[in-house]
Protein backbone atom coordinates (compact mmCIF):
# COMPACT_ATOMS: atom_id res chain seq x y z
CA GLY A 1 69.56 90.97 99.22
CA CYS A 2 70.32 91.48 102.87
CA SER A 3 73.29 93.44 104.12
CA PRO A 4 75.86 91.83 106.41
CA ILE A 5 75.14 92.12 110.14
CA LYS A 6 77.60 94.48 111.79
CA ILE A 7 76.53 94.45 115.44
CA ASP A 8 76.24 91.51 117.82
CA GLU A 9 72.76 92.51 118.97
CA TYR A 10 71.26 91.25 115.69
CA PHE A 11 73.63 88.34 115.19
CA TYR A 12 72.79 84.94 116.60
CA GLY A 13 72.96 81.26 115.77
CA ARG A 14 76.54 81.27 114.50
CA ASP A 15 78.44 81.83 117.72
CA GLY A 16 80.20 78.45 117.56
CA ILE A 17 81.55 79.19 114.08
CA VAL A 18 82.62 82.69 115.12
CA GLN A 19 84.38 81.45 118.25
CA ASP A 20 86.12 78.65 116.36
CA LEU A 21 87.42 81.00 113.64
CA ALA A 22 88.54 83.56 116.25
CA THR A 23 90.37 80.87 118.24
CA ARG A 24 92.02 79.46 115.11
CA ALA A 25 93.11 82.93 113.99
CA VAL A 26 94.57 84.27 117.24
CA GLU A 27 95.22 81.53 119.78
CA ARG A 28 96.06 78.58 117.53
CA ARG A 29 97.44 80.82 114.74
CA GLU A 30 95.96 78.64 111.98
CA PRO A 31 94.80 80.02 108.62
CA SER A 32 91.14 79.20 107.96
CA GLY A 33 88.65 79.16 105.15
CA LEU A 34 84.91 79.79 105.37
CA PHE A 35 83.09 78.55 102.28
CA GLY A 36 79.39 78.35 101.50
CA LEU A 37 76.67 79.34 99.11
CA ARG A 38 75.97 83.00 98.35
CA LYS A 39 73.85 84.91 100.87
CA THR A 40 74.43 82.42 103.71
CA GLY A 41 76.00 84.90 106.12
CA LYS A 42 79.74 84.43 105.55
CA THR A 43 80.45 88.17 105.63
CA SER A 44 78.39 88.58 108.81
CA VAL A 45 80.47 85.80 110.39
CA LEU A 46 83.70 87.60 109.40
CA PHE A 47 82.47 90.88 110.91
CA ALA A 48 81.58 88.99 114.11
CA VAL A 49 85.08 87.44 114.19
CA GLU A 50 86.54 90.92 113.77
CA ARG A 51 84.54 92.16 116.77
CA ARG A 52 85.47 89.07 118.81
CA ILE A 53 89.23 89.51 118.34
CA TYR A 54 89.34 93.27 118.78
CA TYR A 55 92.05 93.61 121.42
CA SER A 56 94.57 96.40 121.88
CA ASP A 57 97.38 94.12 120.63
CA VAL A 58 95.53 92.43 117.73
CA ILE A 59 94.97 94.03 114.32
CA CYS A 60 92.23 92.55 112.17
CA GLU A 61 91.59 93.89 108.68
CA TYR A 62 88.64 92.94 106.47
CA ILE A 63 89.24 93.09 102.71
CA ASP A 64 86.43 92.62 100.20
CA CYS A 65 87.97 91.06 97.09
CA GLN A 66 84.77 91.88 95.19
CA ASN A 67 85.88 95.52 95.23
CA PRO A 68 87.24 96.41 91.76
CA GLY A 69 90.06 98.28 93.52
CA VAL A 70 91.18 94.90 94.87
CA TYR A 71 90.52 92.41 92.08
CA GLY A 72 91.47 94.97 89.41
CA ALA A 73 94.83 95.55 91.13
CA ARG A 74 98.04 93.59 90.74
CA TRP A 75 99.17 91.36 93.62
CA TRP A 76 101.73 93.88 94.91
CA SER A 77 99.09 96.62 95.04
CA VAL A 78 96.92 94.38 97.21
CA ALA A 79 99.95 93.77 99.46
CA ASN A 80 100.43 97.55 99.67
CA GLU A 81 96.75 98.01 100.52
CA ILE A 82 97.15 95.53 103.37
CA MET A 83 100.21 97.45 104.62
CA ASP A 84 98.38 100.79 104.30
CA ARG A 85 95.47 99.50 106.39
CA ILE A 86 97.74 98.02 109.04
CA HIS A 87 99.75 101.27 109.10
CA ARG A 88 96.60 103.38 109.66
CA GLU A 89 95.47 101.06 112.45
CA CYS A 90 98.93 101.18 114.07
CA LEU A 91 98.92 104.99 113.99
CA ARG A 92 95.44 105.00 115.54
CA ARG A 93 96.82 102.84 118.36
CA GLY A 94 100.01 104.87 118.81
CA VAL A 95 102.33 102.27 117.27
CA ASP A 96 104.97 103.93 115.11
CA THR A 97 105.64 102.25 111.76
CA THR A 98 107.32 102.96 108.45
CA TYR A 99 107.48 100.89 105.28
CA GLU A 100 108.55 100.82 101.66
CA LYS A 101 105.96 100.06 99.01
CA VAL A 102 106.12 96.71 97.24
CA THR A 103 106.54 97.25 93.50
CA SER A 104 107.48 93.79 92.22
CA ILE A 105 108.54 90.31 93.24
CA GLU A 106 112.08 91.65 93.70
CA ASN A 107 111.14 93.75 96.72
CA ALA A 108 108.36 91.60 98.15
CA ASN A 109 110.56 91.21 101.23
CA GLU A 110 109.51 94.78 102.16
CA PHE A 111 106.11 93.34 103.10
CA THR A 112 107.75 90.69 105.29
CA LYS A 113 110.03 93.24 106.98
CA TYR A 114 107.08 95.52 107.68
CA ILE A 115 104.93 92.81 109.23
CA LYS A 116 107.82 91.66 111.44
CA GLN A 117 108.43 95.29 112.51
CA ILE A 118 104.78 95.58 113.62
CA LEU A 119 104.88 92.30 115.52
CA LEU A 120 108.02 93.40 117.36
CA GLY A 121 106.53 96.83 118.07
CA GLY A 122 103.71 95.90 120.41
CA ILE A 123 101.15 94.18 118.18
CA ARG A 124 100.75 90.48 119.04
CA ASN A 125 98.66 89.24 116.09
CA ILE A 126 97.68 90.49 112.66
CA VAL A 127 94.70 88.79 111.00
CA ILE A 128 93.75 89.56 107.40
CA MET A 129 90.26 88.49 106.32
CA LEU A 130 89.86 88.14 102.55
CA ASP A 131 86.17 87.90 101.64
CA GLU A 132 84.81 86.96 98.19
CA ILE A 133 88.15 85.24 97.50
CA GLU A 134 86.89 83.85 94.20
CA TYR A 135 87.38 87.32 92.68
CA ILE A 136 91.17 86.86 92.93
CA THR A 137 91.20 83.13 92.11
CA PRO A 138 92.59 81.88 88.77
CA ASP A 139 90.26 80.94 85.92
CA ILE A 140 87.15 82.47 87.51
CA SER A 141 87.92 86.18 87.79
CA ASN A 142 86.22 88.43 85.27
CA THR A 143 88.19 90.25 82.55
CA LEU A 144 89.32 93.00 84.93
CA GLY A 145 90.75 90.32 87.24
CA ALA A 146 92.24 88.01 84.58
CA HIS A 147 95.78 88.86 85.77
CA TRP A 148 95.03 86.84 88.93
CA ASP A 149 95.62 83.75 86.80
CA ILE A 150 99.31 84.67 87.33
CA ASP A 151 99.21 86.98 90.38
CA PHE A 152 97.38 84.46 92.58
CA VAL A 153 100.47 82.28 93.04
CA GLN A 154 102.80 85.20 93.82
CA PHE A 155 100.31 86.76 96.24
CA TRP A 156 99.81 83.53 98.15
CA GLN A 157 103.51 82.70 98.15
CA LEU A 158 104.05 86.03 99.90
CA MET A 159 101.17 85.59 102.36
CA ARG A 160 102.22 82.02 103.23
CA SER A 161 105.89 82.89 103.65
CA VAL A 162 105.08 85.76 106.03
CA TYR A 163 102.68 83.48 107.92
CA GLN A 164 105.46 80.90 108.30
CA GLU A 165 108.23 83.39 109.14
CA THR A 166 106.09 84.94 111.89
CA TYR A 167 104.99 81.54 113.27
CA GLY A 168 101.38 82.40 112.47
CA TYR A 169 101.26 85.72 114.26
CA PHE A 170 100.47 87.13 110.81
CA ASN A 171 97.48 85.07 109.79
CA PHE A 172 94.53 85.08 107.43
CA ILE A 173 90.98 83.88 106.98
CA VAL A 174 89.57 83.49 103.48
CA ALA A 175 85.89 83.31 102.64
CA GLY A 176 84.05 82.59 99.43
CA VAL A 177 81.58 80.47 97.57
CA ASN A 178 81.64 76.67 97.61
CA PRO A 179 83.95 74.48 95.49
CA PRO A 180 85.21 74.15 92.83
CA TYR A 181 86.66 77.57 93.66
CA SER A 182 87.54 76.87 97.27
CA SER A 183 89.79 73.85 96.62
CA ARG A 184 92.32 75.97 94.68
CA VAL A 185 92.37 78.56 97.44
CA GLU A 186 92.67 75.94 100.19
CA GLU A 187 95.60 74.34 98.39
CA MET A 188 97.48 77.60 97.76
CA ALA A 189 96.72 79.37 101.03
CA GLY A 190 97.05 76.22 103.13
CA VAL A 191 93.82 76.95 104.96
CA ALA A 192 91.78 74.52 106.97
CA PRO A 193 88.30 74.71 105.43
CA PHE A 194 85.43 75.53 107.72
CA VAL A 195 82.20 75.13 105.73
């Protein structure tokens, strides 16, 4: 198959979708979902959104849930991976941050505290893009990801609560294959589908 397009020079015909997702993510601070058949360019759209919202005060992180290191991990490890990536990007931009690792539901508030610290420290928006979301969706993950039958709810409760507590300045875009998978994600993540 084809690889995702990573530079604007070769990317055309989807500018309206890219602009709409970028506007929803940063200006309107609305979570979004991008669902479609395999090999229809969803990942290329996400990379284009990432390029479109690359500002000095916006952090955008792309996470491929198809990576065994993501779907094979427990929900708190994925939360830690998100914090690690944000931390590296903050350091690259000269924003000083510190955080405690999330180890269970009992200290999930560490994630919330960290995100709020970043948003008070000079970063205006944080956008997390979760591609191939079906890999961490209940009832459809493979054996390595079977724990997402339980972890899915805790992960999305955390993501949604941080989204709400930061008034959408911490936001997310999910992407994956068409329903029936997408309806469960839309319901839990509270995303507005953009097919």
